[in-house]
Amino acid sequence: MFLTSGALSSPLLLPVTLLSVLLFLAVVGSAVGLVVALSRRATHGAYSPSRQEKEGSRVEMWNITQPPPMERLI
């Protein structure tokens, strides 16, 4: 099979080429999106032990009970 001018002007050449380019762009876009999603997920999460160690345990002041009244001699 040699390329001839008839083969280059085939009516299927343009749709096949466009479909191939769109398929290639879809695969590349999906790969880039997957890499971005995985890297974002690795750095942005709800559980962070190092952050909890730095901030310490949160104690809310309204939750602490008042000390009992001081005892007095009669």
N, C-alpha and C. Protein backbone atom coordinates (compact mmCIF):
# COMPACT_ATOMS: atom_id res chain seq x y z
N MET A 1 0.83 -1.17 0.00
CA MET A 1 0.00 0.00 0.00
C MET A 1 0.88 1.24 0.00
N PHE A 2 0.81 1.94 -1.05
CA PHE A 2 1.52 3.21 -1.15
C PHE A 2 0.52 4.35 -1.03
N LEU A 3 0.99 5.44 -0.46
CA LEU A 3 0.12 6.60 -0.35
C LEU A 3 -0.02 7.25 -1.71
N THR A 4 -1.23 7.39 -2.13
CA THR A 4 -1.49 8.06 -3.40
C THR A 4 -2.36 9.27 -3.14
N SER A 5 -2.53 10.10 -4.13
CA SER A 5 -3.35 11.29 -3.95
C SER A 5 -4.80 10.91 -3.68
N GLY A 6 -5.23 9.78 -4.17
CA GLY A 6 -6.59 9.31 -3.91
C GLY A 6 -6.78 8.89 -2.47
N ALA A 7 -5.77 8.27 -1.89
CA ALA A 7 -5.85 7.84 -0.50
C ALA A 7 -5.80 9.02 0.45
N LEU A 8 -5.07 10.06 0.09
CA LEU A 8 -4.96 11.23 0.95
C LEU A 8 -6.23 12.06 0.95
N SER A 9 -7.04 11.97 -0.08
CA SER A 9 -8.27 12.75 -0.14
C SER A 9 -9.49 11.89 0.17
N SER A 10 -9.29 10.82 0.89
CA SER A 10 -10.38 9.92 1.24
C SER A 10 -11.38 10.68 2.12
N PRO A 11 -12.68 10.46 1.97
CA PRO A 11 -13.68 11.16 2.79
C PRO A 11 -13.63 10.74 4.26
N LEU A 12 -13.02 9.63 4.58
CA LEU A 12 -12.92 9.19 5.97
C LEU A 12 -11.69 9.73 6.68
N LEU A 13 -10.78 10.33 5.94
CA LEU A 13 -9.52 10.77 6.54
C LEU A 13 -9.73 11.87 7.57
N LEU A 14 -10.53 12.87 7.28
CA LEU A 14 -10.75 13.98 8.21
C LEU A 14 -11.47 13.53 9.48
N PRO A 15 -12.58 12.80 9.41
CA PRO A 15 -13.24 12.36 10.65
C PRO A 15 -12.36 11.45 11.51
N VAL A 16 -11.62 10.56 10.88
CA VAL A 16 -10.75 9.66 11.65
C VAL A 16 -9.65 10.45 12.34
N THR A 17 -9.09 11.41 11.64
CA THR A 17 -8.04 12.24 12.23
C THR A 17 -8.58 13.06 13.39
N LEU A 18 -9.73 13.69 13.21
CA LEU A 18 -10.32 14.48 14.28
C LEU A 18 -10.68 13.61 15.49
N LEU A 19 -11.21 12.45 15.24
CA LEU A 19 -11.55 11.54 16.33
C LEU A 19 -10.30 11.09 17.08
N SER A 20 -9.23 10.84 16.37
CA SER A 20 -7.97 10.43 17.00
C SER A 20 -7.41 11.56 17.86
N VAL A 21 -7.45 12.77 17.34
CA VAL A 21 -6.93 13.92 18.11
C VAL A 21 -7.78 14.15 19.35
N LEU A 22 -9.09 14.08 19.22
CA LEU A 22 -9.97 14.27 20.39
C LEU A 22 -9.77 13.16 21.42
N LEU A 23 -9.59 11.95 20.98
CA LEU A 23 -9.35 10.84 21.90
C LEU A 23 -8.02 11.03 22.62
N PHE A 24 -7.01 11.46 21.90
CA PHE A 24 -5.71 11.71 22.51
C PHE A 24 -5.80 12.83 23.55
N LEU A 25 -6.51 13.91 23.23
CA LEU A 25 -6.67 15.02 24.17
C LEU A 25 -7.46 14.59 25.41
N ALA A 26 -8.45 13.73 25.21
CA ALA A 26 -9.23 13.24 26.35
C ALA A 26 -8.36 12.39 27.28
N VAL A 27 -7.52 11.55 26.71
CA VAL A 27 -6.64 10.70 27.54
C VAL A 27 -5.63 11.57 28.28
N VAL A 28 -5.04 12.53 27.61
CA VAL A 28 -4.06 13.42 28.27
C VAL A 28 -4.75 14.25 29.35
N GLY A 29 -5.94 14.77 29.06
CA GLY A 29 -6.67 15.55 30.06
C GLY A 29 -7.04 14.72 31.27
N SER A 30 -7.44 13.49 31.06
CA SER A 30 -7.77 12.61 32.18
C SER A 30 -6.54 12.30 33.03
N ALA A 31 -5.42 12.08 32.38
CA ALA A 31 -4.18 11.79 33.12
C ALA A 31 -3.76 13.00 33.95
N VAL A 32 -3.83 14.18 33.37
CA VAL A 32 -3.46 15.39 34.11
C VAL A 32 -4.42 15.62 35.27
N GLY A 33 -5.71 15.43 35.04
CA GLY A 33 -6.69 15.59 36.12
C GLY A 33 -6.48 14.59 37.24
N LEU A 34 -6.12 13.37 36.91
CA LEU A 34 -5.86 12.36 37.93
C LEU A 34 -4.64 12.72 38.77
N VAL A 35 -3.60 13.18 38.13
CA VAL A 35 -2.39 13.57 38.86
C VAL A 35 -2.69 14.75 39.78
N VAL A 36 -3.42 15.74 39.30
CA VAL A 36 -3.76 16.90 40.13
C VAL A 36 -4.64 16.48 41.30
N ALA A 37 -5.62 15.63 41.05
CA ALA A 37 -6.51 15.19 42.13
C ALA A 37 -5.76 14.39 43.19
N LEU A 38 -4.88 13.53 42.78
CA LEU A 38 -4.13 12.73 43.75
C LEU A 38 -3.16 13.59 44.56
N SER A 39 -2.52 14.55 43.94
CA SER A 39 -1.60 15.41 44.69
C SER A 39 -2.37 16.33 45.63
N ARG A 40 -3.52 16.81 45.22
CA ARG A 40 -4.33 17.67 46.09
C ARG A 40 -4.86 16.87 47.27
N ARG A 41 -5.26 15.64 47.03
CA ARG A 41 -5.78 14.81 48.10
C ARG A 41 -4.70 14.48 49.11
N ALA A 42 -3.46 14.35 48.64
CA ALA A 42 -2.38 14.01 49.56
C ALA A 42 -2.04 15.15 50.50
N THR A 43 -2.30 16.39 50.09
CA THR A 43 -1.92 17.53 50.93
C THR A 43 -3.10 18.20 51.61
N HIS A 44 -4.32 17.88 51.23
CA HIS A 44 -5.49 18.52 51.82
C HIS A 44 -6.43 17.45 52.36
N GLY A 45 -6.40 17.28 53.68
CA GLY A 45 -7.26 16.28 54.27
C GLY A 45 -7.82 16.78 55.59
N ALA A 46 -8.74 16.04 56.14
CA ALA A 46 -9.36 16.44 57.40
C ALA A 46 -8.51 16.00 58.60
N TYR A 47 -7.74 14.96 58.46
CA TYR A 47 -6.98 14.42 59.58
C TYR A 47 -5.52 14.80 59.43
N SER A 48 -5.02 15.53 60.39
CA SER A 48 -3.62 15.95 60.35
C SER A 48 -3.01 15.80 61.74
N PRO A 49 -2.32 14.70 62.01
CA PRO A 49 -1.75 14.49 63.34
C PRO A 49 -0.74 15.57 63.72
N SER A 50 0.08 16.02 62.78
CA SER A 50 1.08 17.03 63.12
C SER A 50 0.41 18.35 63.51
N ARG A 51 -0.68 18.71 62.83
CA ARG A 51 -1.38 19.94 63.18
C ARG A 51 -2.02 19.81 64.55
N GLN A 52 -2.55 18.64 64.86
CA GLN A 52 -3.17 18.45 66.17
C GLN A 52 -2.12 18.49 67.28
N GLU A 53 -0.91 18.02 67.00
CA GLU A 53 0.14 18.09 68.00
C GLU A 53 0.57 19.53 68.24
N LYS A 54 0.63 20.33 67.19
CA LYS A 54 1.03 21.73 67.34
C LYS A 54 -0.02 22.53 68.09
N GLU A 55 -1.29 22.33 67.75
CA GLU A 55 -2.35 23.10 68.38
C GLU A 55 -2.69 22.59 69.77
N GLY A 56 -2.42 21.34 70.05
CA GLY A 56 -2.77 20.76 71.33
C GLY A 56 -4.25 20.44 71.38
N SER A 57 -4.66 19.85 72.47
CA SER A 57 -6.08 19.53 72.59
C SER A 57 -6.83 20.80 72.95
N ARG A 58 -7.93 21.00 72.32
CA ARG A 58 -8.71 22.21 72.55
C ARG A 58 -9.62 21.99 73.75
N VAL A 59 -9.47 22.85 74.75
CA VAL A 59 -10.32 22.80 75.92
C VAL A 59 -11.14 24.08 75.93
N GLU A 60 -12.42 23.94 75.94
CA GLU A 60 -13.28 25.10 75.93
C GLU A 60 -13.53 25.55 77.38
N MET A 61 -13.47 26.85 77.59
CA MET A 61 -13.51 27.38 78.95
C MET A 61 -14.89 27.23 79.60
N TRP A 62 -15.96 27.26 78.85
CA TRP A 62 -17.28 27.17 79.45
C TRP A 62 -17.56 25.78 79.99
N ASN A 63 -16.78 24.81 79.56
CA ASN A 63 -17.00 23.43 79.95
C ASN A 63 -16.35 23.10 81.30
N ILE A 64 -15.47 23.94 81.77
CA ILE A 64 -14.76 23.67 83.03
C ILE A 64 -15.68 24.01 84.20
N THR A 65 -15.80 23.09 85.16
CA THR A 65 -16.69 23.34 86.31
C THR A 65 -16.01 24.27 87.30
N GLN A 66 -16.83 25.00 88.05
CA GLN A 66 -16.32 25.93 89.06
C GLN A 66 -15.82 25.14 90.28
N PRO A 67 -14.78 25.62 90.92
CA PRO A 67 -14.30 24.92 92.14
C PRO A 67 -15.34 25.07 93.26
N PRO A 68 -15.37 24.13 94.18
CA PRO A 68 -16.35 24.23 95.28
C PRO A 68 -16.01 25.45 96.17
N PRO A 69 -17.00 25.98 96.87
CA PRO A 69 -16.71 27.13 97.74
C PRO A 69 -15.72 26.75 98.84
N MET A 70 -14.95 27.76 99.25
CA MET A 70 -13.93 27.52 100.26
C MET A 70 -14.57 27.16 101.60
N GLU A 71 -14.03 26.17 102.28
CA GLU A 71 -14.59 25.75 103.56
C GLU A 71 -14.16 26.74 104.64
N ARG A 72 -15.10 27.00 105.55
CA ARG A 72 -14.78 27.93 106.64
C ARG A 72 -15.02 27.27 107.98
N LEU A 73 -14.34 27.79 108.99
CA LEU A 73 -14.54 27.29 110.35
C LEU A 73 -15.78 27.92 110.94
N ILE A 74 -16.53 27.19 111.76
CA ILE A 74 -17.74 27.74 112.38
C ILE A 74 -17.38 28.49 113.64
